[in-house]
Protein backbone atom coordinates (compact mmCIF):
# COMPACT_ATOMS: atom_id res chain seq x y z
CA MET A 1 28.79 -29.79 117.51
CA LYS A 2 28.93 -31.16 113.98
CA ARG A 3 26.94 -28.17 112.72
CA ALA A 4 29.47 -25.78 114.29
CA VAL A 5 32.32 -27.66 112.63
CA TRP A 6 30.60 -27.45 109.24
CA ILE A 7 30.01 -23.70 109.67
CA ILE A 8 33.68 -23.13 110.52
CA LEU A 9 34.79 -25.31 107.59
CA ALA A 10 32.52 -23.44 105.19
CA ALA A 11 33.92 -20.10 106.36
CA VAL A 12 37.49 -21.34 105.90
CA LEU A 13 36.73 -22.58 102.39
CA ALA A 14 35.00 -19.30 101.47
CA ALA A 15 38.01 -17.34 102.72
CA ALA A 16 40.33 -19.61 100.74
CA ASP A 17 38.26 -19.04 97.59
CA GLY A 18 38.51 -15.28 98.19
CA VAL A 19 42.29 -15.45 98.54
CA GLN A 20 42.52 -17.56 95.39
CA ALA A 21 40.33 -15.09 93.49
CA GLN A 22 42.64 -12.27 94.52
CA SER A 23 45.86 -14.15 93.84
CA ASP A 24 45.03 -14.80 90.20
CA TYR A 25 43.57 -11.33 89.61
CA PRO A 26 42.69 -10.43 86.95
CA ASN A 27 41.34 -13.59 85.35
CA ARG A 28 38.83 -11.80 83.12
CA PRO A 29 38.55 -8.39 81.40
CA VAL A 30 38.78 -5.26 83.56
CA ARG A 31 36.86 -2.09 82.73
CA ILE A 32 37.90 1.41 83.74
CA VAL A 33 35.23 4.08 83.91
CA VAL A 34 36.18 7.52 82.61
CA ASP A 35 34.06 10.64 82.94
CA SER A 36 34.75 12.16 79.54
CA ALA A 37 33.95 11.50 75.89
CA PRO A 38 36.13 9.51 73.46
CA GLY A 39 38.97 11.64 72.13
CA SER A 40 39.16 13.89 75.19
CA ALA A 41 42.49 14.34 76.98
CA ASN A 42 41.39 12.14 79.87
CA ASP A 43 40.14 9.43 77.54
CA VAL A 44 43.36 9.36 75.50
CA THR A 45 45.45 9.23 78.67
CA LEU A 46 43.49 6.25 79.95
CA ARG A 47 43.63 4.32 76.68
CA ILE A 48 47.43 4.50 76.64
CA LEU A 49 47.57 3.13 80.18
CA ALA A 50 44.86 0.54 79.52
CA GLU A 51 46.76 -0.88 76.57
CA ARG A 52 49.88 -1.40 78.69
CA LEU A 53 47.91 -2.95 81.55
CA SER A 54 46.29 -5.33 79.07
CA GLN A 55 49.75 -6.51 78.08
CA LEU A 56 50.88 -6.89 81.71
CA TRP A 57 47.79 -8.78 82.80
CA GLY A 58 47.07 -10.83 79.72
CA GLN A 59 43.49 -9.61 79.99
CA GLN A 60 41.69 -6.93 78.03
CA VAL A 61 41.35 -3.61 79.86
CA LEU A 62 38.31 -1.77 78.53
CA THR A 63 37.54 1.95 78.63
CA LEU A 64 33.95 2.75 79.65
CA ASN A 65 33.12 6.35 78.70
CA GLN A 66 30.42 7.89 80.88
CA PRO A 67 30.39 11.64 80.14
CA GLY A 68 27.80 14.13 81.25
CA ALA A 69 26.27 15.82 84.30
CA GLY A 70 29.63 17.28 85.34
CA GLY A 71 31.05 13.84 86.09
CA SER A 72 28.25 12.64 88.36
CA ILE A 73 27.16 9.93 85.88
CA SER A 74 30.59 8.34 85.87
CA ALA A 75 30.88 8.60 89.66
CA ARG A 76 27.53 6.87 90.12
CA VAL A 77 28.42 4.06 87.69
CA ALA A 78 31.80 3.46 89.32
CA ALA A 79 30.52 3.65 92.90
CA GLY A 80 27.74 1.18 92.12
CA ALA A 81 30.05 -1.45 90.63
CA PRO A 82 30.93 -4.61 92.58
CA PRO A 83 34.09 -3.99 94.67
CA ASP A 84 35.96 -6.89 93.10
CA GLY A 85 38.65 -5.06 91.14
CA TYR A 86 37.02 -5.61 87.77
CA THR A 87 35.66 -2.06 87.63
CA LEU A 88 38.08 0.79 88.31
CA TYR A 89 37.59 4.52 87.89
CA MET A 90 39.84 7.25 86.51
CA PRO A 91 37.98 10.57 86.74
CA ALA A 92 39.31 13.95 85.69
CA ALA A 93 40.27 16.55 88.26
CA SER A 94 36.88 18.25 87.96
CA VAL A 95 35.10 15.34 89.65
CA PHE A 96 37.16 16.02 92.77
CA LEU A 97 36.78 19.80 92.54
CA ALA A 98 33.01 20.33 92.35
CA LEU A 99 31.56 22.58 95.01
CA PRO A 100 29.19 20.72 97.37
CA GLY A 101 25.66 22.05 97.23
CA ALA A 102 26.35 24.53 94.43
CA PRO A 103 23.64 25.06 91.78
CA GLY A 104 23.83 22.32 89.18
CA VAL A 105 26.25 20.16 91.19
CA ALA A 106 25.02 16.61 91.75
CA SER A 107 24.72 15.38 95.31
CA ASN A 108 27.33 12.68 94.72
CA LEU A 109 30.00 15.29 93.91
CA PRO A 110 32.65 16.18 94.69
CA VAL A 111 34.33 12.80 95.00
CA GLU A 112 36.42 12.80 98.16
CA LEU A 113 39.17 10.37 99.04
CA PRO A 114 39.18 8.10 100.93
CA ARG A 115 35.50 8.65 101.80
CA ASP A 116 34.01 7.65 98.44
CA PHE A 117 36.58 5.44 96.71
CA VAL A 118 39.74 3.53 97.50
CA PRO A 119 42.73 5.49 96.12
CA ILE A 120 45.14 3.51 93.93
CA GLY A 121 47.58 6.09 92.59
CA PHE A 122 48.24 9.20 90.53
CA VAL A 123 48.39 8.85 86.75
CA THR A 124 49.45 12.04 84.93
CA HIS A 125 49.42 15.79 85.21
CA GLN A 126 48.49 17.69 82.06
CA PRO A 127 49.02 21.39 81.61
CA MET A 128 46.30 22.80 79.38
CA PHE A 129 46.68 24.48 76.04
CA ILE A 130 44.70 27.49 74.88
CA GLY A 131 43.82 27.19 71.22
CA MET A 132 42.46 30.05 69.15
CA SER A 133 40.38 30.43 66.03
CA PRO A 134 42.36 31.98 63.16
CA THR A 135 39.44 34.35 62.62
CA LEU A 136 40.21 36.28 65.82
CA GLY A 137 43.07 38.01 64.05
CA ILE A 138 45.46 38.05 67.03
CA SER A 139 48.66 36.16 67.84
CA THR A 140 49.44 36.50 71.54
CA LEU A 141 47.78 36.32 74.94
CA PRO A 142 48.37 40.04 75.64
CA GLU A 143 46.58 40.79 72.36
CA LEU A 144 43.68 38.56 73.42
CA ILE A 145 43.41 40.36 76.76
CA ALA A 146 43.41 43.74 75.01
CA LEU A 147 40.74 42.60 72.54
CA ALA A 148 38.59 41.12 75.31
CA LYS A 149 38.71 44.41 77.20
CA GLN A 150 37.49 46.18 74.08
CA LYS A 151 34.69 43.62 73.60
CA PRO A 152 33.63 42.39 77.07
CA GLY A 153 31.58 39.20 76.90
CA GLN A 154 31.75 39.02 73.11
CA ILE A 155 34.61 36.51 72.75
CA SER A 156 33.49 32.96 73.45
CA TYR A 157 35.43 29.92 74.51
CA ALA A 158 34.70 26.19 74.39
CA ALA A 159 35.14 24.09 77.53
CA THR A 160 34.09 20.58 78.49
CA GLY A 161 31.22 21.69 80.73
CA ARG A 162 30.34 24.00 83.61
CA GLY A 163 32.43 23.38 86.70
CA ARG A 164 35.00 21.29 84.85
CA ILE A 165 38.69 22.11 85.23
CA THR A 166 38.69 23.71 81.77
CA HIS A 167 35.88 26.05 82.79
CA LEU A 168 37.49 26.83 86.15
CA THR A 169 40.84 27.58 84.53
CA MET A 170 39.29 30.04 82.10
CA GLU A 171 37.39 31.65 84.97
CA LEU A 172 40.69 32.06 86.78
CA LEU A 173 42.24 33.54 83.63
CA GLN A 174 39.42 36.07 83.33
CA SER A 175 39.74 37.01 86.99
CA ARG A 176 43.48 37.50 86.77
CA ALA A 177 43.36 39.39 83.45
CA GLY A 178 40.33 41.53 84.30
CA ILE A 179 38.35 40.42 81.26
CA LYS A 180 34.98 38.81 80.51
CA LEU A 181 34.61 35.89 78.08
CA GLN A 182 31.55 33.83 77.17
CA LEU A 183 31.48 30.13 78.06
CA VAL A 184 30.15 27.66 75.48
CA PRO A 185 30.04 24.22 77.17
CA TYR A 186 30.57 21.10 75.04
CA THR A 187 29.84 17.89 76.94
CA GLY A 188 31.23 15.91 74.02
CA GLY A 189 34.63 17.53 74.46
CA PRO A 190 36.78 19.65 72.13
CA ALA A 191 36.23 17.30 69.17
CA GLN A 192 32.57 18.34 69.21
CA ALA A 193 33.55 22.00 69.33
CA MET A 194 36.32 22.03 66.75
CA ASN A 195 34.22 22.96 63.71
CA ASP A 196 32.89 25.96 65.61
CA ILE A 197 36.44 26.96 66.59
CA ILE A 198 37.76 26.63 63.05
CA SER A 199 34.85 28.56 61.55
CA GLY A 200 35.11 31.31 64.15
CA ARG A 201 31.68 30.81 65.73
CA VAL A 202 33.64 30.18 68.95
CA GLY A 203 36.89 32.05 69.48
CA LEU A 204 38.88 29.95 71.97
CA VAL A 205 39.22 26.44 73.33
CA LEU A 206 41.03 25.12 76.39
CA ASP A 207 41.98 21.47 76.96
CA GLY A 208 44.86 19.03 77.22
CA TYR A 209 47.12 18.85 74.18
CA SER A 210 45.93 15.37 73.19
CA SER A 211 42.47 16.78 72.47
CA LEU A 212 43.83 19.61 70.33
CA ALA A 213 46.90 18.01 68.76
CA GLY A 214 45.47 17.31 65.30
CA SER A 215 44.04 20.79 64.87
CA LEU A 216 47.15 22.50 66.27
CA GLN A 217 49.52 20.46 64.13
CA GLY A 218 47.34 20.91 61.04
CA GLY A 219 47.19 24.66 61.56
CA SER A 220 43.40 24.86 61.66
CA ILE A 221 43.66 26.45 65.11
CA LYS A 222 46.56 28.40 66.63
CA GLY A 223 48.22 27.69 69.96
CA LEU A 224 48.06 30.76 72.16
CA ALA A 225 49.54 29.70 75.51
CA VAL A 226 50.02 26.80 77.93
CA THR A 227 49.09 26.78 81.62
CA ALA A 228 52.30 25.07 82.83
CA ASN A 229 54.85 26.74 85.11
CA ALA A 230 57.44 26.65 82.31
CA ARG A 231 57.42 26.15 78.56
CA VAL A 232 56.56 22.56 77.77
CA PRO A 233 59.26 20.32 76.21
CA GLY A 234 58.44 19.92 72.55
CA PHE A 235 56.66 23.29 72.44
CA PRO A 236 59.48 25.80 72.97
CA ASP A 237 57.75 28.56 70.99
CA LEU A 238 54.48 28.36 72.91
CA PRO A 239 54.49 30.89 75.80
CA THR A 240 53.09 30.10 79.21
CA VAL A 241 50.17 32.07 80.59
CA ALA A 242 52.48 32.92 83.50
CA GLU A 243 54.70 34.94 81.16
CA THR A 244 51.78 37.38 80.88
CA LEU A 245 50.07 36.73 84.23
CA PRO A 246 52.83 35.84 86.73
CA GLY A 247 52.14 32.84 88.93
CA PHE A 248 49.32 31.47 86.78
CA ILE A 249 49.53 27.65 86.82
CA ALA A 250 46.74 25.15 86.22
CA GLY A 251 46.31 21.71 84.77
CA GLY A 252 44.29 18.57 84.51
CA TRP A 253 45.17 15.40 86.42
CA GLN A 254 43.88 11.92 87.07
CA ILE A 255 43.87 9.61 90.07
CA MET A 256 42.97 5.94 89.64
CA VAL A 257 40.52 4.69 92.27
CA ALA A 258 38.43 1.61 93.01
CA PRO A 259 34.96 1.17 94.54
CA SER A 260 34.93 1.17 98.34
CA GLY A 261 35.34 -2.34 99.71
CA THR A 262 37.74 -3.52 97.00
CA PRO A 263 40.15 -5.98 98.66
CA ASP A 264 43.50 -4.52 99.74
CA ALA A 265 45.43 -7.22 97.87
CA ILE A 266 43.80 -6.24 94.58
CA VAL A 267 44.33 -2.53 95.22
CA ARG A 268 48.03 -3.16 95.92
CA LYS A 269 48.41 -5.23 92.76
CA VAL A 270 46.74 -2.63 90.58
CA ALA A 271 48.87 0.10 92.17
CA THR A 272 52.08 -1.86 91.61
CA ASP A 273 51.25 -2.81 88.03
CA MET A 274 50.06 0.68 87.21
CA GLN A 275 53.37 2.12 88.35
CA THR A 276 55.21 -0.49 86.30
CA ALA A 277 53.22 0.62 83.26
CA LEU A 278 53.75 4.32 83.92
CA GLN A 279 57.50 3.85 84.39
CA ASP A 280 57.78 2.25 80.97
CA LYS A 281 59.87 4.60 78.80
CA GLU A 282 57.64 4.05 75.79
CA ILE A 283 54.53 5.00 77.77
CA ALA A 284 56.25 8.07 79.22
CA ALA A 285 57.28 9.09 75.70
CA LYS A 286 53.72 8.76 74.43
CA TYR A 287 52.45 10.92 77.25
CA ALA A 288 55.17 13.51 76.63
CA THR A 289 54.04 13.92 73.01
CA LEU A 290 50.59 14.73 74.40
CA GLY A 291 51.90 17.28 76.87
CA ALA A 292 51.17 14.95 79.80
CA PHE A 293 53.66 13.99 82.48
CA VAL A 294 53.74 11.02 84.84
CA ARG A 295 53.94 11.73 88.57
CA HIS A 296 54.39 8.85 90.98
CA MET A 297 52.29 9.05 94.13
CA SER A 298 51.31 6.47 96.68
CA PRO A 299 47.60 6.11 97.51
CA ALA A 300 48.11 8.30 100.59
CA GLU A 301 49.99 10.95 98.59
CA ALA A 302 47.32 10.93 95.87
CA THR A 303 44.65 11.46 98.52
CA ALA A 304 46.57 14.37 100.05
CA PHE A 305 47.08 15.89 96.60
CA SER A 306 43.35 15.78 95.78
CA GLN A 307 42.51 17.39 99.13
CA SER A 308 45.08 20.13 98.53
CA GLU A 309 43.65 20.87 95.07
CA GLN A 310 40.16 21.17 96.56
CA THR A 311 41.45 23.83 98.95
CA ILE A 312 43.26 25.73 96.20
CA TRP A 313 40.26 25.85 93.84
CA ARG A 314 37.54 26.45 96.44
CA PRO A 315 37.47 30.28 96.03
CA MET A 316 37.08 29.96 92.24
CA LEU A 317 34.38 27.32 92.66
CA GLU A 318 32.45 29.61 94.99
CA GLN A 319 32.72 32.43 92.47
CA VAL A 320 31.37 30.22 89.67
CA ALA A 321 28.51 29.08 91.90
CA LYS A 322 27.52 32.69 92.64
CA GLN A 323 27.49 33.48 88.93
CA ALA A 324 25.09 30.59 88.32
CA GLN A 325 22.55 31.86 90.88
């Protein structure tokens, strides 16, 4: 009888300790895994959010860059972390969009919600910018299409890796325009590729504005078009791809998630505090200067969004997989 009482008491105390641990969360630094290199659009987006969360929580929020292998490295690191709220994960869209079983796609991709991680909320949507080497000698997207038709497969473009959203978007562009370009993957992101773009060894680059801002503003590369559905505020002279190819819309996005098993109370707190941070006018203004826009979604809405994007991109993913065979 006494033993049973002690077992019950121990369970009650353990539960109380768990509640206490959740109620004062976070009481130590939090790290957020990101699947891209420092300086990439996804990395910059996260660092802005992490800084604001650090202020809200009074604890340092650290960015853990885990690029490579199409996002599978970051997914493995995040999934293997203790589900205690002190490791979160903010992958790029590509990690959700990989084609299962395709050549070169790791077995732990694509990430699917809520199967693999606990969804927390949507962060930002980022239309992508097409930058061009000055050495190409053209000024508009129609001119690029015409030149590419004259030189099929001879104009190269830099993207952040095979199967990433940058690669898929350029594949979609080629399909819609009836042209053939040459992919040059850069796992280290556009920063790694920029010297090749400027020198003309690579003709084009596609990424979020934050990755290309310095080179675009400095004039070392030229903005060609943006993949948004309308011209982006702050860039009124930059045409959309849709002005040349009607209906063409694409972009990067991020959803914050936590390892499966993370307590609901912690997930709710992170979701609430993340929305508080994202609704901050200063944060929204910073994102706007990078061509990124906040979109509020509940965990359920973020899950539905990721599933919808998988359906939309599946035909292009299958096409890319066939090309790799």
